Amino acid sequence: MTDYTITNNVAGSSLGVKPQVVEVVLDFTSTSLTTSDSVEVFSLKAGTYVLSAAIEVTQLASTGSPVLDLGDDADDAVFVAALAGHTALATGTTSAGKFYAAADTIDLIANTATFDGKCRVVAVIAELGDAETAAAFA
């Protein structure tokens, strides 16, 4: 087995684009999110890695038993599945990352009932690109 050493990379040097936290508070108290509606919360560029994403219910739904999912076009619950929006102020999250080779969106979906409360949606993302320094092997 051969071991390779990267010769022009120093620990702690800044390479590439930095991860960032994106968040928004969504207020559905005047316009409810009805069953099967979705909101495209965050737009993702091609080459983006989502490290994690979460929903925090900050104001409960006034009626019904809404369930919230957080996902994308391929899987509507890839980040958060079946978060209750009516029983307790709750947070649903995942630490399973996902790479997006093509542009996409992170979507909030109401399942089972109308959601008329408030929630915060947050994601930790890294928009990948060319590294600032190309690594050489020796």
C-alpha atoms as a PDB file:
ATOM      1  CA  MET A   1       0.000   0.000   0.000  1.00  0.00           C
ATOM      2  CA  THR A   2       1.312   3.445  -0.921  1.00  0.00           C
ATOM      3  CA  ASP A   3       0.866   6.476   1.318  1.00  0.00           C
ATOM      4  CA  TYR A   4       0.589   9.818  -0.440  1.00  0.00           C
ATOM      5  CA  THR A   5       1.368  13.161   1.171  1.00  0.00           C
ATOM      6  CA  ILE A   6      -0.232  16.401   0.034  1.00  0.00           C
ATOM      7  CA  THR A   7       2.713  18.759  -0.252  1.00  0.00           C
ATOM      8  CA  ASN A   8       1.131  22.205  -0.613  1.00  0.00           C
ATOM      9  CA  ASN A   9      -1.617  22.064   1.998  1.00  0.00           C
ATOM     10  CA  VAL A  10      -1.153  23.369   5.538  1.00  0.00           C
ATOM     11  CA  ALA A  11      -3.476  22.409   8.392  1.00  0.00           C
ATOM     12  CA  GLY A  12      -5.732  25.333   9.195  1.00  0.00           C
ATOM     13  CA  SER A  13      -5.327  26.995   5.798  1.00  0.00           C
ATOM     14  CA  SER A  14      -8.553  28.159   4.201  1.00  0.00           C
ATOM     15  CA  LEU A  15      -9.539  26.052   1.221  1.00  0.00           C
ATOM     16  CA  GLY A  16     -12.772  26.300  -0.702  1.00  0.00           C
ATOM     17  CA  VAL A  17     -16.066  27.879   0.258  1.00  0.00           C
ATOM     18  CA  LYS A  18     -17.035  28.061   3.936  1.00  0.00           C
ATOM     19  CA  PRO A  19     -20.129  26.322   5.334  1.00  0.00           C
ATOM     20  CA  GLN A  20     -22.917  28.680   6.277  1.00  0.00           C
ATOM     21  CA  VAL A  21     -26.095  28.626   8.320  1.00  0.00           C
ATOM     22  CA  VAL A  22     -29.240  29.781   6.503  1.00  0.00           C
ATOM     23  CA  GLU A  23     -32.504  30.303   8.356  1.00  0.00           C
ATOM     24  CA  VAL A  24     -35.909  31.853   7.994  1.00  0.00           C
ATOM     25  CA  VAL A  25     -39.002  32.188  10.188  1.00  0.00           C
ATOM     26  CA  LEU A  26     -42.204  31.303   8.346  1.00  0.00           C
ATOM     27  CA  ASP A  27     -45.449  32.810   9.642  1.00  0.00           C
ATOM     28  CA  PHE A  28     -48.590  30.975   8.526  1.00  0.00           C
ATOM     29  CA  THR A  29     -50.973  32.768  10.935  1.00  0.00           C
ATOM     30  CA  SER A  30     -52.551  34.832   8.145  1.00  0.00           C
ATOM     31  CA  THR A  31     -52.022  32.432   5.208  1.00  0.00           C
ATOM     32  CA  SER A  32     -52.163  28.804   6.279  1.00  0.00           C
ATOM     33  CA  LEU A  33     -50.068  26.023   4.818  1.00  0.00           C
ATOM     34  CA  THR A  34     -52.727  23.541   3.761  1.00  0.00           C
ATOM     35  CA  THR A  35     -52.398  19.789   3.323  1.00  0.00           C
ATOM     36  CA  SER A  36     -49.930  18.837   0.575  1.00  0.00           C
ATOM     37  CA  ASP A  37     -48.848  22.474   0.085  1.00  0.00           C
ATOM     38  CA  SER A  38     -45.132  23.057  -0.044  1.00  0.00           C
ATOM     39  CA  VAL A  39     -42.928  26.095   0.387  1.00  0.00           C
ATOM     40  CA  GLU A  40     -39.572  26.250  -1.384  1.00  0.00           C
ATOM     41  CA  VAL A  41     -37.683  27.536   1.652  1.00  0.00           C
ATOM     42  CA  PHE A  42     -34.083  27.573   0.377  1.00  0.00           C
ATOM     43  CA  SER A  43     -32.721  27.451  -3.161  1.00  0.00           C
ATOM     44  CA  LEU A  44     -29.614  25.332  -3.572  1.00  0.00           C
ATOM     45  CA  LYS A  45     -27.046  25.765  -6.321  1.00  0.00           C
ATOM     46  CA  ALA A  46     -25.591  22.770  -8.116  1.00  0.00           C
ATOM     47  CA  GLY A  47     -22.631  21.482  -6.127  1.00  0.00           C
ATOM     48  CA  THR A  48     -24.125  22.228  -2.695  1.00  0.00           C
ATOM     49  CA  TYR A  49     -23.718  19.899   0.270  1.00  0.00           C
ATOM     50  CA  VAL A  50     -26.383  20.172   2.994  1.00  0.00           C
ATOM     51  CA  LEU A  51     -24.807  19.079   6.263  1.00  0.00           C
ATOM     52  CA  SER A  52     -28.099  19.167   8.201  1.00  0.00           C
ATOM     53  CA  ALA A  53     -31.500  20.847   8.240  1.00  0.00           C
ATOM     54  CA  ALA A  54     -34.177  21.405  10.890  1.00  0.00           C
ATOM     55  CA  ILE A  55     -37.628  22.774  11.677  1.00  0.00           C
ATOM     56  CA  GLU A  56     -38.420  24.474  14.984  1.00  0.00           C
ATOM     57  CA  VAL A  57     -42.131  25.063  15.649  1.00  0.00           C
ATOM     58  CA  THR A  58     -42.271  28.412  17.463  1.00  0.00           C
ATOM     59  CA  GLN A  59     -46.075  28.855  17.518  1.00  0.00           C
ATOM     60  CA  LEU A  60     -48.358  25.845  17.533  1.00  0.00           C
ATOM     61  CA  ALA A  61     -51.175  25.324  15.079  1.00  0.00           C
ATOM     62  CA  SER A  62     -54.483  26.536  16.494  1.00  0.00           C
ATOM     63  CA  THR A  63     -56.566  23.599  15.219  1.00  0.00           C
ATOM     64  CA  GLY A  64     -56.158  20.135  13.795  1.00  0.00           C
ATOM     65  CA  SER A  65     -53.130  17.876  13.937  1.00  0.00           C
ATOM     66  CA  PRO A  66     -50.711  19.101  11.268  1.00  0.00           C
ATOM     67  CA  VAL A  67     -47.519  17.220  10.563  1.00  0.00           C
ATOM     68  CA  LEU A  68     -44.581  18.955   8.882  1.00  0.00           C
ATOM     69  CA  ASP A  69     -41.906  17.452   6.636  1.00  0.00           C
ATOM     70  CA  LEU A  70     -38.701  19.013   5.340  1.00  0.00           C
ATOM     71  CA  GLY A  71     -37.227  17.630   2.163  1.00  0.00           C
ATOM     72  CA  ASP A  72     -36.537  18.198  -1.501  1.00  0.00           C
ATOM     73  CA  ASP A  73     -37.882  17.220  -4.927  1.00  0.00           C
ATOM     74  CA  ALA A  74     -36.623  13.634  -4.594  1.00  0.00           C
ATOM     75  CA  ASP A  75     -37.742  12.954  -0.990  1.00  0.00           C
ATOM     76  CA  ASP A  76     -40.180  15.263   0.787  1.00  0.00           C
ATOM     77  CA  ALA A  77     -38.991  14.089   4.216  1.00  0.00           C
ATOM     78  CA  VAL A  78     -35.247  13.587   3.692  1.00  0.00           C
ATOM     79  CA  PHE A  79     -34.378  16.064   6.493  1.00  0.00           C
ATOM     80  CA  VAL A  80     -37.391  16.041   8.854  1.00  0.00           C
ATOM     81  CA  ALA A  81     -40.237  13.526   8.822  1.00  0.00           C
ATOM     82  CA  ALA A  82     -43.578  13.876  10.617  1.00  0.00           C
ATOM     83  CA  LEU A  83     -42.880  16.757  13.006  1.00  0.00           C
ATOM     84  CA  ALA A  84     -46.051  17.514  15.001  1.00  0.00           C
ATOM     85  CA  GLY A  85     -47.090  21.139  14.672  1.00  0.00           C
ATOM     86  CA  HIS A  86     -49.807  21.066  17.316  1.00  0.00           C
ATOM     87  CA  THR A  87     -48.858  19.256  20.539  1.00  0.00           C
ATOM     88  CA  ALA A  88     -45.707  20.918  21.875  1.00  0.00           C
ATOM     89  CA  LEU A  89     -43.116  23.350  20.711  1.00  0.00           C
ATOM     90  CA  ALA A  90     -40.799  20.946  18.986  1.00  0.00           C
ATOM     91  CA  THR A  91     -37.693  20.670  16.884  1.00  0.00           C
ATOM     92  CA  GLY A  92     -37.153  18.113  14.187  1.00  0.00           C
ATOM     93  CA  THR A  93     -33.709  17.702  12.679  1.00  0.00           C
ATOM     94  CA  THR A  94     -31.366  15.382  10.896  1.00  0.00           C
ATOM     95  CA  SER A  95     -27.621  15.159  10.714  1.00  0.00           C
ATOM     96  CA  ALA A  96     -27.636  13.067   7.547  1.00  0.00           C
ATOM     97  CA  GLY A  97     -25.956  15.164   4.883  1.00  0.00           C
ATOM     98  CA  LYS A  98     -26.915  15.221   1.227  1.00  0.00           C
ATOM     99  CA  PHE A  99     -24.977  16.351  -1.849  1.00  0.00           C
ATOM    100  CA  TYR A 100     -26.844  18.142  -4.655  1.00  0.00           C
ATOM    101  CA  ALA A 101     -25.150  17.708  -8.032  1.00  0.00           C
ATOM    102  CA  ALA A 102     -27.961  19.725  -9.650  1.00  0.00           C
ATOM    103  CA  ALA A 103     -29.800  22.805  -8.387  1.00  0.00           C
ATOM    104  CA  ASP A 104     -32.737  22.024  -6.091  1.00  0.00           C
ATOM    105  CA  THR A 105     -34.715  23.464  -3.189  1.00  0.00           C
ATOM    106  CA  ILE A 106     -35.315  22.550   0.437  1.00  0.00           C
ATOM    107  CA  ASP A 107     -39.084  22.384   0.856  1.00  0.00           C
ATOM    108  CA  LEU A 108     -41.450  22.566   3.836  1.00  0.00           C
ATOM    109  CA  ILE A 109     -44.543  20.386   3.376  1.00  0.00           C
ATOM    110  CA  ALA A 110     -47.746  20.203   5.418  1.00  0.00           C
ATOM    111  CA  ASN A 111     -49.154  16.691   5.796  1.00  0.00           C
ATOM    112  CA  THR A 112     -52.416  15.484   7.386  1.00  0.00           C
ATOM    113  CA  ALA A 113     -53.843  18.926   8.302  1.00  0.00           C
ATOM    114  CA  THR A 114     -53.494  22.682   7.812  1.00  0.00           C
ATOM    115  CA  PHE A 115     -50.658  24.412   9.677  1.00  0.00           C
ATOM    116  CA  ASP A 116     -51.465  27.952  10.822  1.00  0.00           C
ATOM    117  CA  GLY A 117     -48.615  28.500  13.273  1.00  0.00           C
ATOM    118  CA  LYS A 118     -45.041  29.720  12.949  1.00  0.00           C
ATOM    119  CA  CYS A 119     -41.820  27.825  12.428  1.00  0.00           C
ATOM    120  CA  ARG A 120     -38.133  28.455  11.927  1.00  0.00           C
ATOM    121  CA  VAL A 121     -36.359  26.477   9.209  1.00  0.00           C
ATOM    122  CA  VAL A 122     -32.583  26.245   9.360  1.00  0.00           C
ATOM    123  CA  ALA A 123     -29.942  24.465   7.282  1.00  0.00           C
ATOM    124  CA  VAL A 124     -26.172  24.194   7.398  1.00  0.00           C
ATOM    125  CA  ILE A 125     -24.874  24.194   3.821  1.00  0.00           C
ATOM    126  CA  ALA A 126     -21.598  24.319   1.954  1.00  0.00           C
ATOM    127  CA  GLU A 127     -21.599  25.505  -1.634  1.00  0.00           C
ATOM    128  CA  LEU A 128     -18.702  23.498  -3.033  1.00  0.00           C
ATOM    129  CA  GLY A 129     -16.517  24.786  -5.806  1.00  0.00           C
ATOM    130  CA  ASP A 130     -12.943  24.741  -6.921  1.00  0.00           C
ATOM    131  CA  ALA A 131     -10.508  24.602  -4.050  1.00  0.00           C
ATOM    132  CA  GLU A 132      -8.427  27.759  -3.767  1.00  0.00           C
ATOM    133  CA  THR A 133      -5.255  25.654  -3.734  1.00  0.00           C
ATOM    134  CA  ALA A 134      -4.784  22.537  -5.810  1.00  0.00           C
ATOM    135  CA  ALA A 135      -3.244  19.719  -3.810  1.00  0.00           C
ATOM    136  CA  ALA A 136      -0.109  18.101  -5.172  1.00  0.00           C
ATOM    137  CA  PHE A 137       0.885  14.568  -4.263  1.00  0.00           C
ATOM    138  CA  ALA A 138       4.378  13.462  -3.448  1.00  0.00           C
END
